[in-house]
Amino acid sequence: TEPSIFQILTLSNWMKFVQRTATIVMIKEYKHNRMGAGMLKLFGDGNPNYALFSPTDYRLPRLKIPMRMCPPDFFHRSQDYAKRIFLGKITQMEGTKICTR
């Protein structure tokens, strides 16, 4: 038979056998500001409508940035921006779709 929780709690090293669990009921304050520094690149397929933001922080996802929010000559002269650092901010997330501003 399996030991009961009361039997496990009597052991001196019971913390090794029990996994703590909890349920999140509310997020009062978001600590991550959803901003990150990274590189701005063209998509491999040459999409003229969007650029790819690749953050240096692995905790942020890559972002699809509308070309109207990029520098005016970015599509034709993206190599001039290859060594520049840009800031990206997630303003809205809907499921897996990420909207940026």
PDB file of N, CA and C in Angstrom:
ATOM      1  N   THR A   1       0.839  -1.192   0.000  1.00  0.00           N
ATOM      2  CA  THR A   1       0.000   0.000   0.000  1.00  0.00           C
ATOM      3  C   THR A   1       0.881   1.252   0.000  1.00  0.00           C
ATOM      4  N   GLU A   2       0.316   2.323  -0.540  1.00  0.00           N
ATOM      5  CA  GLU A   2       1.048   3.588  -0.573  1.00  0.00           C
ATOM      6  C   GLU A   2       1.010   4.240   0.799  1.00  0.00           C
ATOM      7  N   PRO A   3       2.101   4.925   1.171  1.00  0.00           N
ATOM      8  CA  PRO A   3       2.083   5.611   2.466  1.00  0.00           C
ATOM      9  C   PRO A   3       1.146   6.819   2.416  1.00  0.00           C
ATOM     10  N   SER A   4       0.561   7.143   3.559  1.00  0.00           N
ATOM     11  CA  SER A   4      -0.330   8.303   3.627  1.00  0.00           C
ATOM     12  C   SER A   4       0.502   9.558   3.860  1.00  0.00           C
ATOM     13  N   ILE A   5      -0.113  10.684   3.677  1.00  0.00           N
ATOM     14  CA  ILE A   5       0.579  11.958   3.897  1.00  0.00           C
ATOM     15  C   ILE A   5       1.026  12.096   5.344  1.00  0.00           C
ATOM     16  N   PHE A   6       0.266  11.540   6.264  1.00  0.00           N
ATOM     17  CA  PHE A   6       0.620  11.621   7.681  1.00  0.00           C
ATOM     18  C   PHE A   6       1.871  10.813   7.980  1.00  0.00           C
ATOM     19  N   GLN A   7       2.033   9.682   7.308  1.00  0.00           N
ATOM     20  CA  GLN A   7       3.239   8.875   7.494  1.00  0.00           C
ATOM     21  C   GLN A   7       4.462   9.588   6.911  1.00  0.00           C
ATOM     22  N   ILE A   8       4.283  10.239   5.783  1.00  0.00           N
ATOM     23  CA  ILE A   8       5.403  10.949   5.156  1.00  0.00           C
ATOM     24  C   ILE A   8       5.831  12.135   6.006  1.00  0.00           C
ATOM     25  N   LEU A   9       4.873  12.854   6.591  1.00  0.00           N
ATOM     26  CA  LEU A   9       5.200  14.028   7.399  1.00  0.00           C
ATOM     27  C   LEU A   9       5.965  13.682   8.673  1.00  0.00           C
ATOM     28  N   THR A  10       5.894  12.454   9.118  1.00  0.00           N
ATOM     29  CA  THR A  10       6.641  12.065  10.315  1.00  0.00           C
ATOM     30  C   THR A  10       8.130  11.853  10.020  1.00  0.00           C
ATOM     31  N   LEU A  11       8.495  11.704   8.756  1.00  0.00           N
ATOM     32  CA  LEU A  11       9.900  11.528   8.391  1.00  0.00           C
ATOM     33  C   LEU A  11      10.652  12.846   8.527  1.00  0.00           C
ATOM     34  N   SER A  12      11.934  12.782   8.919  1.00  0.00           N
ATOM     35  CA  SER A  12      12.716  14.016   9.092  1.00  0.00           C
ATOM     36  C   SER A  12      13.030  14.697   7.755  1.00  0.00           C
ATOM     37  N   ASN A  13      13.127  13.938   6.680  1.00  0.00           N
ATOM     38  CA  ASN A  13      13.450  14.501   5.371  1.00  0.00           C
ATOM     39  C   ASN A  13      12.240  14.436   4.424  1.00  0.00           C
ATOM     40  N   TRP A  14      11.065  14.712   4.939  1.00  0.00           N
ATOM     41  CA  TRP A  14       9.831  14.588   4.162  1.00  0.00           C
ATOM     42  C   TRP A  14       9.774  15.550   2.986  1.00  0.00           C
ATOM     43  N   MET A  15      10.525  16.689   3.034  1.00  0.00           N
ATOM     44  CA  MET A  15      10.495  17.662   1.953  1.00  0.00           C
ATOM     45  C   MET A  15      11.016  17.072   0.639  1.00  0.00           C
ATOM     46  N   LYS A  16      11.829  16.019   0.719  1.00  0.00           N
ATOM     47  CA  LYS A  16      12.359  15.381  -0.491  1.00  0.00           C
ATOM     48  C   LYS A  16      11.280  14.578  -1.222  1.00  0.00           C
ATOM     49  N   PHE A  17      10.223  14.206  -0.539  1.00  0.00           N
ATOM     50  CA  PHE A  17       9.201  13.335  -1.109  1.00  0.00           C
ATOM     51  C   PHE A  17       7.944  14.071  -1.568  1.00  0.00           C
ATOM     52  N   VAL A  18       7.764  15.305  -1.112  1.00  0.00           N
ATOM     53  CA  VAL A  18       6.531  16.035  -1.382  1.00  0.00           C
ATOM     54  C   VAL A  18       6.826  17.200  -2.327  1.00  0.00           C
ATOM     55  N   GLN A  19       6.059  17.291  -3.386  1.00  0.00           N
ATOM     56  CA  GLN A  19       6.188  18.418  -4.307  1.00  0.00           C
ATOM     57  C   GLN A  19       5.138  19.449  -3.936  1.00  0.00           C
ATOM     58  N   ARG A  20       5.586  20.672  -3.712  1.00  0.00           N
ATOM     59  CA  ARG A  20       4.650  21.736  -3.357  1.00  0.00           C
ATOM     60  C   ARG A  20       3.872  22.157  -4.596  1.00  0.00           C
ATOM     61  N   THR A  21       2.602  22.395  -4.427  1.00  0.00           N
ATOM     62  CA  THR A  21       1.749  22.843  -5.528  1.00  0.00           C
ATOM     63  C   THR A  21       0.911  24.020  -5.035  1.00  0.00           C
ATOM     64  N   ALA A  22       0.473  24.815  -5.988  1.00  0.00           N
ATOM     65  CA  ALA A  22      -0.366  25.970  -5.665  1.00  0.00           C
ATOM     66  C   ALA A  22      -1.206  26.311  -6.878  1.00  0.00           C
ATOM     67  N   THR A  23      -2.183  27.167  -6.670  1.00  0.00           N
ATOM     68  CA  THR A  23      -3.024  27.661  -7.751  1.00  0.00           C
ATOM     69  C   THR A  23      -2.961  29.178  -7.749  1.00  0.00           C
ATOM     70  N   ILE A  24      -2.697  29.786  -8.913  1.00  0.00           N
ATOM     71  CA  ILE A  24      -2.670  31.233  -9.022  1.00  0.00           C
ATOM     72  C   ILE A  24      -4.101  31.712  -9.152  1.00  0.00           C
ATOM     73  N   VAL A  25      -4.497  32.618  -8.273  1.00  0.00           N
ATOM     74  CA  VAL A  25      -5.862  33.130  -8.317  1.00  0.00           C
ATOM     75  C   VAL A  25      -5.940  34.529  -8.919  1.00  0.00           C
ATOM     76  N   MET A  26      -4.819  35.291  -8.872  1.00  0.00           N
ATOM     77  CA  MET A  26      -4.824  36.637  -9.433  1.00  0.00           C
ATOM     78  C   MET A  26      -3.393  37.136  -9.564  1.00  0.00           C
ATOM     79  N   ILE A  27      -3.123  37.905 -10.626  1.00  0.00           N
ATOM     80  CA  ILE A  27      -1.839  38.567 -10.762  1.00  0.00           C
ATOM     81  C   ILE A  27      -2.090  40.038 -10.460  1.00  0.00           C
ATOM     82  N   LYS A  28      -1.569  40.485  -9.335  1.00  0.00           N
ATOM     83  CA  LYS A  28      -1.829  41.848  -8.882  1.00  0.00           C
ATOM     84  C   LYS A  28      -0.998  42.864  -9.654  1.00  0.00           C
ATOM     85  N   GLU A  29       0.249  42.519  -9.947  1.00  0.00           N
ATOM     86  CA  GLU A  29       1.136  43.467 -10.621  1.00  0.00           C
ATOM     87  C   GLU A  29       2.105  42.697 -11.503  1.00  0.00           C
ATOM     88  N   TYR A  30       2.230  43.125 -12.752  1.00  0.00           N
ATOM     89  CA  TYR A  30       3.193  42.520 -13.659  1.00  0.00           C
ATOM     90  C   TYR A  30       4.554  43.146 -13.404  1.00  0.00           C
ATOM     91  N   LYS A  31       5.553  42.337 -13.173  1.00  0.00           N
ATOM     92  CA  LYS A  31       6.889  42.848 -12.893  1.00  0.00           C
ATOM     93  C   LYS A  31       7.694  43.079 -14.160  1.00  0.00           C
ATOM     94  N   HIS A  32       7.454  42.285 -15.196  1.00  0.00           N
ATOM     95  CA  HIS A  32       8.220  42.435 -16.421  1.00  0.00           C
ATOM     96  C   HIS A  32       7.591  43.550 -17.248  1.00  0.00           C
ATOM     97  N   ASN A  33       8.393  44.515 -17.679  1.00  0.00           N
ATOM     98  CA  ASN A  33       7.850  45.660 -18.399  1.00  0.00           C
ATOM     99  C   ASN A  33       7.618  45.370 -19.874  1.00  0.00           C
ATOM    100  N   ARG A  34       7.896  44.167 -20.327  1.00  0.00           N
ATOM    101  CA  ARG A  34       7.660  43.734 -21.704  1.00  0.00           C
ATOM    102  C   ARG A  34       8.443  44.556 -22.722  1.00  0.00           C
ATOM    103  N   MET A  35       9.579  45.078 -22.314  1.00  0.00           N
ATOM    104  CA  MET A  35      10.459  45.802 -23.226  1.00  0.00           C
ATOM    105  C   MET A  35      11.776  45.054 -23.330  1.00  0.00           C
ATOM    106  N   GLY A  36      12.415  45.208 -24.466  1.00  0.00           N
ATOM    107  CA  GLY A  36      13.708  44.573 -24.627  1.00  0.00           C
ATOM    108  C   GLY A  36      14.506  45.224 -25.740  1.00  0.00           C
ATOM    109  N   ALA A  37      15.809  45.109 -25.639  1.00  0.00           N
ATOM    110  CA  ALA A  37      16.707  45.616 -26.673  1.00  0.00           C
ATOM    111  C   ALA A  37      17.027  44.479 -27.628  1.00  0.00           C
ATOM    112  N   GLY A  38      17.241  44.824 -28.884  1.00  0.00           N
ATOM    113  CA  GLY A  38      17.555  43.785 -29.854  1.00  0.00           C
ATOM    114  C   GLY A  38      17.838  44.344 -31.232  1.00  0.00           C
ATOM    115  N   MET A  39      17.943  43.451 -32.193  1.00  0.00           N
ATOM    116  CA  MET A  39      18.273  43.801 -33.567  1.00  0.00           C
ATOM    117  C   MET A  39      17.015  43.772 -34.424  1.00  0.00           C
ATOM    118  N   LEU A  40      16.992  44.613 -35.425  1.00  0.00           N
ATOM    119  CA  LEU A  40      15.900  44.670 -36.380  1.00  0.00           C
ATOM    120  C   LEU A  40      16.419  44.170 -37.722  1.00  0.00           C
ATOM    121  N   LYS A  41      15.713  43.193 -38.310  1.00  0.00           N
ATOM    122  CA  LYS A  41      16.158  42.580 -39.564  1.00  0.00           C
ATOM    123  C   LYS A  41      14.985  42.440 -40.516  1.00  0.00           C
ATOM    124  N   LEU A  42      15.312  42.242 -41.776  1.00  0.00           N
ATOM    125  CA  LEU A  42      14.277  41.908 -42.757  1.00  0.00           C
ATOM    126  C   LEU A  42      13.974  40.420 -42.650  1.00  0.00           C
ATOM    127  N   PHE A  43      12.765  40.042 -42.974  1.00  0.00           N
ATOM    128  CA  PHE A  43      12.425  38.624 -43.038  1.00  0.00           C
ATOM    129  C   PHE A  43      13.149  37.988 -44.222  1.00  0.00           C
ATOM    130  N   GLY A  44      13.420  36.721 -44.126  1.00  0.00           N
ATOM    131  CA  GLY A  44      14.133  36.005 -45.179  1.00  0.00           C
ATOM    132  C   GLY A  44      13.424  35.999 -46.512  1.00  0.00           C
ATOM    133  N   ASP A  45      12.090  36.090 -46.488  1.00  0.00           N
ATOM    134  CA  ASP A  45      11.332  36.070 -47.744  1.00  0.00           C
ATOM    135  C   ASP A  45      11.193  37.457 -48.371  1.00  0.00           C
ATOM    136  N   GLY A  46      11.801  38.495 -47.750  1.00  0.00           N
ATOM    137  CA  GLY A  46      11.745  39.845 -48.303  1.00  0.00           C
ATOM    138  C   GLY A  46      10.400  40.518 -48.132  1.00  0.00           C
ATOM    139  N   ASN A  47       9.659  40.156 -47.120  1.00  0.00           N
ATOM    140  CA  ASN A  47       8.341  40.732 -46.848  1.00  0.00           C
ATOM    141  C   ASN A  47       8.455  42.248 -46.671  1.00  0.00           C
ATOM    142  N   PRO A  48       7.813  43.055 -47.522  1.00  0.00           N
ATOM    143  CA  PRO A  48       7.925  44.511 -47.419  1.00  0.00           C
ATOM    144  C   PRO A  48       7.019  45.123 -46.351  1.00  0.00           C
ATOM    145  N   ASN A  49       6.168  44.325 -45.718  1.00  0.00           N
ATOM    146  CA  ASN A  49       5.210  44.858 -44.749  1.00  0.00           C
ATOM    147  C   ASN A  49       5.670  44.758 -43.301  1.00  0.00           C
ATOM    148  N   TYR A  50       6.611  43.838 -43.014  1.00  0.00           N
ATOM    149  CA  TYR A  50       7.031  43.610 -41.631  1.00  0.00           C
ATOM    150  C   TYR A  50       8.537  43.431 -41.547  1.00  0.00           C
ATOM    151  N   ALA A  51       9.085  43.764 -40.372  1.00  0.00           N
ATOM    152  CA  ALA A  51      10.482  43.495 -40.046  1.00  0.00           C
ATOM    153  C   ALA A  51      10.492  42.565 -38.838  1.00  0.00           C
ATOM    154  N   LEU A  52      11.600  41.895 -38.615  1.00  0.00           N
ATOM    155  CA  LEU A  52      11.745  40.958 -37.500  1.00  0.00           C
ATOM    156  C   LEU A  52      12.600  41.597 -36.419  1.00  0.00           C
ATOM    157  N   PHE A  53      12.053  41.697 -35.200  1.00  0.00           N
ATOM    158  CA  PHE A  53      12.808  42.189 -34.049  1.00  0.00           C
ATOM    159  C   PHE A  53      13.278  40.978 -33.265  1.00  0.00           C
ATOM    160  N   SER A  54      14.598  40.829 -33.131  1.00  0.00           N
ATOM    161  CA  SER A  54      15.182  39.714 -32.375  1.00  0.00           C
ATOM    162  C   SER A  54      15.785  40.257 -31.095  1.00  0.00           C
ATOM    163  N   PRO A  55      15.124  40.053 -29.947  1.00  0.00           N
ATOM    164  CA  PRO A  55      15.648  40.601 -28.690  1.00  0.00           C
ATOM    165  C   PRO A  55      16.883  39.851 -28.215  1.00  0.00           C
ATOM    166  N   THR A  56      17.720  40.541 -27.474  1.00  0.00           N
ATOM    167  CA  THR A  56      18.893  39.898 -26.897  1.00  0.00           C
ATOM    168  C   THR A  56      18.525  39.103 -25.644  1.00  0.00           C
ATOM    169  N   ASP A  57      17.415  39.424 -25.015  1.00  0.00           N
ATOM    170  CA  ASP A  57      16.930  38.711 -23.829  1.00  0.00           C
ATOM    171  C   ASP A  57      16.095  37.512 -24.291  1.00  0.00           C
ATOM    172  N   TYR A  58      16.527  36.321 -23.949  1.00  0.00           N
ATOM    173  CA  TYR A  58      15.852  35.105 -24.411  1.00  0.00           C
ATOM    174  C   TYR A  58      14.446  34.958 -23.839  1.00  0.00           C
ATOM    175  N   ARG A  59      14.096  35.710 -22.807  1.00  0.00           N
ATOM    176  CA  ARG A  59      12.763  35.601 -22.215  1.00  0.00           C
ATOM    177  C   ARG A  59      11.688  36.283 -23.045  1.00  0.00           C
ATOM    178  N   LEU A  60      12.095  37.153 -23.961  1.00  0.00           N
ATOM    179  CA  LEU A  60      11.142  37.822 -24.846  1.00  0.00           C
ATOM    180  C   LEU A  60      11.061  37.081 -26.172  1.00  0.00           C
ATOM    181  N   PRO A  61       9.887  37.004 -26.756  1.00  0.00           N
ATOM    182  CA  PRO A  61       9.773  36.356 -28.070  1.00  0.00           C
ATOM    183  C   PRO A  61      10.242  37.294 -29.180  1.00  0.00           C
ATOM    184  N   ARG A  62      10.557  36.721 -30.315  1.00  0.00           N
ATOM    185  CA  ARG A  62      10.839  37.554 -31.481  1.00  0.00           C
ATOM    186  C   ARG A  62       9.539  38.232 -31.888  1.00  0.00           C
ATOM    187  N   LEU A  63       9.632  39.461 -32.381  1.00  0.00           N
ATOM    188  CA  LEU A  63       8.441  40.238 -32.674  1.00  0.00           C
ATOM    189  C   LEU A  63       8.369  40.587 -34.150  1.00  0.00           C
ATOM    190  N   LYS A  64       7.171  40.605 -34.658  1.00  0.00           N
ATOM    191  CA  LYS A  64       6.891  41.008 -36.031  1.00  0.00           C
ATOM    192  C   LYS A  64       6.489  42.481 -35.974  1.00  0.00           C
ATOM    193  N   ILE A  65       7.345  43.356 -36.506  1.00  0.00           N
ATOM    194  CA  ILE A  65       7.145  44.798 -36.416  1.00  0.00           C
ATOM    195  C   ILE A  65       6.616  45.329 -37.745  1.00  0.00           C
ATOM    196  N   PRO A  66       5.514  46.079 -37.742  1.00  0.00           N
ATOM    197  CA  PRO A  66       5.025  46.680 -38.994  1.00  0.00           C
ATOM    198  C   PRO A  66       6.079  47.637 -39.564  1.00  0.00           C
ATOM    199  N   MET A  67       6.257  47.614 -40.861  1.00  0.00           N
ATOM    200  CA  MET A  67       7.284  48.425 -41.512  1.00  0.00           C
ATOM    201  C   MET A  67       7.055  49.923 -41.290  1.00  0.00           C
ATOM    202  N   ARG A  68       5.817  50.339 -41.052  1.00  0.00           N
ATOM    203  CA  ARG A  68       5.547  51.760 -40.809  1.00  0.00           C
ATOM    204  C   ARG A  68       6.155  52.230 -39.493  1.00  0.00           C
ATOM    205  N   MET A  69       6.532  51.305 -38.608  1.00  0.00           N
ATOM    206  CA  MET A  69       7.152  51.668 -37.337  1.00  0.00           C
ATOM    207  C   MET A  69       8.675  51.580 -37.390  1.00  0.00           C
ATOM    208  N   CYS A  70       9.212  51.192 -38.518  1.00  0.00           N
ATOM    209  CA  CYS A  70      10.662  51.095 -38.705  1.00  0.00           C
ATOM    210  C   CYS A  70      11.180  52.408 -39.287  1.00  0.00           C
ATOM    211  N   PRO A  71      12.494  52.614 -39.257  1.00  0.00           N
ATOM    212  CA  PRO A  71      13.039  53.808 -39.921  1.00  0.00           C
ATOM    213  C   PRO A  71      12.584  53.852 -41.381  1.00  0.00           C
ATOM    214  N   PRO A  72      12.369  55.050 -41.933  1.00  0.00           N
ATOM    215  CA  PRO A  72      11.793  55.178 -43.279  1.00  0.00           C
ATOM    216  C   PRO A  72      12.537  54.430 -44.380  1.00  0.00           C
ATOM    217  N   ASP A  73      13.868  54.386 -44.310  1.00  0.00           N
ATOM    218  CA  ASP A  73      14.638  53.726 -45.370  1.00  0.00           C
ATOM    219  C   ASP A  73      15.081  52.314 -44.979  1.00  0.00           C
ATOM    220  N   PHE A  74      14.466  51.741 -43.949  1.00  0.00           N
ATOM    221  CA  PHE A  74      14.914  50.433 -43.450  1.00  0.00           C
ATOM    222  C   PHE A  74      14.793  49.328 -44.497  1.00  0.00           C
ATOM    223  N   PHE A  75      13.723  49.291 -45.238  1.00  0.00           N
ATOM    224  CA  PHE A  75      13.521  48.196 -46.200  1.00  0.00           C
ATOM    225  C   PHE A  75      14.600  48.201 -47.283  1.00  0.00           C
ATOM    226  N   HIS A  76      14.988  49.369 -47.763  1.00  0.00           N
ATOM    227  CA  HIS A  76      15.969  49.453 -48.848  1.00  0.00           C
ATOM    228  C   HIS A  76      17.409  49.498 -48.354  1.00  0.00           C
ATOM    229  N   ARG A  77      17.627  49.894 -47.087  1.00  0.00           N
ATOM    230  CA  ARG A  77      18.995  50.016 -46.571  1.00  0.00           C
ATOM    231  C   ARG A  77      19.123  49.333 -45.217  1.00  0.00           C
ATOM    232  N   SER A  78      18.618  48.135 -45.091  1.00  0.00           N
ATOM    233  CA  SER A  78      18.639  47.438 -43.797  1.00  0.00           C
ATOM    234  C   SER A  78      20.060  47.165 -43.312  1.00  0.00           C
ATOM    235  N   GLN A  79      21.028  47.033 -44.220  1.00  0.00           N
ATOM    236  CA  GLN A  79      22.411  46.772 -43.814  1.00  0.00           C
ATOM    237  C   GLN A  79      22.979  47.956 -43.018  1.00  0.00           C
ATOM    238  N   ASP A  80      22.470  49.167 -43.223  1.00  0.00           N
ATOM    239  CA  ASP A  80      22.933  50.328 -42.454  1.00  0.00           C
ATOM    240  C   ASP A  80      22.507  50.243 -40.987  1.00  0.00           C
ATOM    241  N   TYR A  81      21.506  49.440 -40.689  1.00  0.00           N
ATOM    242  CA  TYR A  81      20.985  49.301 -39.328  1.00  0.00           C
ATOM    243  C   TYR A  81      21.408  47.994 -38.665  1.00  0.00           C
ATOM    244  N   ALA A  82      22.287  47.248 -39.303  1.00  0.00           N
ATOM    245  CA  ALA A  82      22.665  45.921 -38.805  1.00  0.00           C
ATOM    246  C   ALA A  82      23.347  45.966 -37.447  1.00  0.00           C
ATOM    247  N   LYS A  83      24.076  47.027 -37.142  1.00  0.00           N
ATOM    248  CA  LYS A  83      24.802  47.106 -35.873  1.00  0.00           C
ATOM    249  C   LYS A  83      24.140  48.053 -34.871  1.00  0.00           C
ATOM    250  N   ARG A  84      22.920  48.429 -35.130  1.00  0.00           N
ATOM    251  CA  ARG A  84      22.186  49.300 -34.208  1.00  0.00           C
ATOM    252  C   ARG A  84      21.310  48.464 -33.289  1.00  0.00           C
ATOM    253  N   ILE A  85      21.137  48.967 -32.088  1.00  0.00           N
ATOM    254  CA  ILE A  85      20.272  48.319 -31.108  1.00  0.00           C
ATOM    255  C   ILE A  85      18.954  49.091 -31.065  1.00  0.00           C
ATOM    256  N   PHE A  86      17.855  48.367 -31.139  1.00  0.00           N
ATOM    257  CA  PHE A  86      16.517  48.958 -31.092  1.00  0.00           C
ATOM    258  C   PHE A  86      15.809  48.492 -29.830  1.00  0.00           C
ATOM    259  N   LEU A  87      14.818  49.246 -29.396  1.00  0.00           N
ATOM    260  CA  LEU A  87      13.960  48.848 -28.283  1.00  0.00           C
ATOM    261  C   LEU A  87      12.639  48.349 -28.839  1.00  0.00           C
ATOM    262  N   GLY A  88      12.188  47.222 -28.338  1.00  0.00           N
ATOM    263  CA  GLY A  88      10.884  46.688 -28.711  1.00  0.00           C
ATOM    264  C   GLY A  88      10.038  46.521 -27.472  1.00  0.00           C
ATOM    265  N   LYS A  89       8.753  46.780 -27.596  1.00  0.00           N
ATOM    266  CA  LYS A  89       7.847  46.650 -26.458  1.00  0.00           C
ATOM    267  C   LYS A  89       6.586  45.922 -26.886  1.00  0.00           C
ATOM    268  N   ILE A  90       6.191  44.935 -26.117  1.00  0.00           N
ATOM    269  CA  ILE A  90       4.938  44.230 -26.355  1.00  0.00           C
ATOM    270  C   ILE A  90       3.844  45.050 -25.678  1.00  0.00           C
ATOM    271  N   THR A  91       2.903  45.517 -26.475  1.00  0.00           N
ATOM    272  CA  THR A  91       1.821  46.323 -25.907  1.00  0.00           C
ATOM    273  C   THR A  91       0.534  45.527 -25.752  1.00  0.00           C
ATOM    274  N   GLN A  92       0.407  44.450 -26.525  1.00  0.00           N
ATOM    275  CA  GLN A  92      -0.808  43.642 -26.457  1.00  0.00           C
ATOM    276  C   GLN A  92      -0.480  42.236 -26.942  1.00  0.00           C
ATOM    277  N   MET A  93      -0.967  41.235 -26.219  1.00  0.00           N
ATOM    278  CA  MET A  93      -0.797  39.838 -26.626  1.00  0.00           C
ATOM    279  C   MET A  93      -2.165  39.198 -26.687  1.00  0.00           C
ATOM    280  N   GLU A  94      -2.456  38.555 -27.787  1.00  0.00           N
ATOM    281  CA  GLU A  94      -3.726  37.849 -27.933  1.00  0.00           C
ATOM    282  C   GLU A  94      -3.418  36.412 -28.317  1.00  0.00           C
ATOM    283  N   GLY A  95      -3.435  35.522 -27.353  1.00  0.00           N
ATOM    284  CA  GLY A  95      -3.092  34.121 -27.631  1.00  0.00           C
ATOM    285  C   GLY A  95      -1.654  34.029 -28.098  1.00  0.00           C
ATOM    286  N   THR A  96      -1.451  33.551 -29.309  1.00  0.00           N
ATOM    287  CA  THR A  96      -0.093  33.466 -29.840  1.00  0.00           C
ATOM    288  C   THR A  96       0.217  34.656 -30.739  1.00  0.00           C
ATOM    289  N   LYS A  97      -0.785  35.488 -31.015  1.00  0.00           N
ATOM    290  CA  LYS A  97      -0.566  36.664 -31.853  1.00  0.00           C
ATOM    291  C   LYS A  97      -0.026  37.795 -30.993  1.00  0.00           C
ATOM    292  N   ILE A  98       1.067  38.417 -31.410  1.00  0.00           N
ATOM    293  CA  ILE A  98       1.668  39.491 -30.639  1.00  0.00           C
ATOM    294  C   ILE A  98       1.553  40.783 -31.423  1.00  0.00           C
ATOM    295  N   CYS A  99       0.980  41.792 -30.796  1.00  0.00           N
ATOM    296  CA  CYS A  99       0.847  43.112 -31.430  1.00  0.00           C
ATOM    297  C   CYS A  99       1.856  44.041 -30.783  1.00  0.00           C
ATOM    298  N   THR A 100       2.545  44.846 -31.566  1.00  0.00           N
ATOM    299  CA  THR A 100       3.561  45.742 -31.020  1.00  0.00           C
ATOM    300  C   THR A 100       3.246  47.179 -31.354  1.00  0.00           C
ATOM    301  N   ARG A 101       3.838  48.048 -30.581  1.00  0.00           N
ATOM    302  CA  ARG A 101       3.708  49.483 -30.857  1.00  0.00           C
ATOM    303  C   ARG A 101       5.060  50.120 -30.763  1.00  0.00           C
TER     304      ARG A 101
END
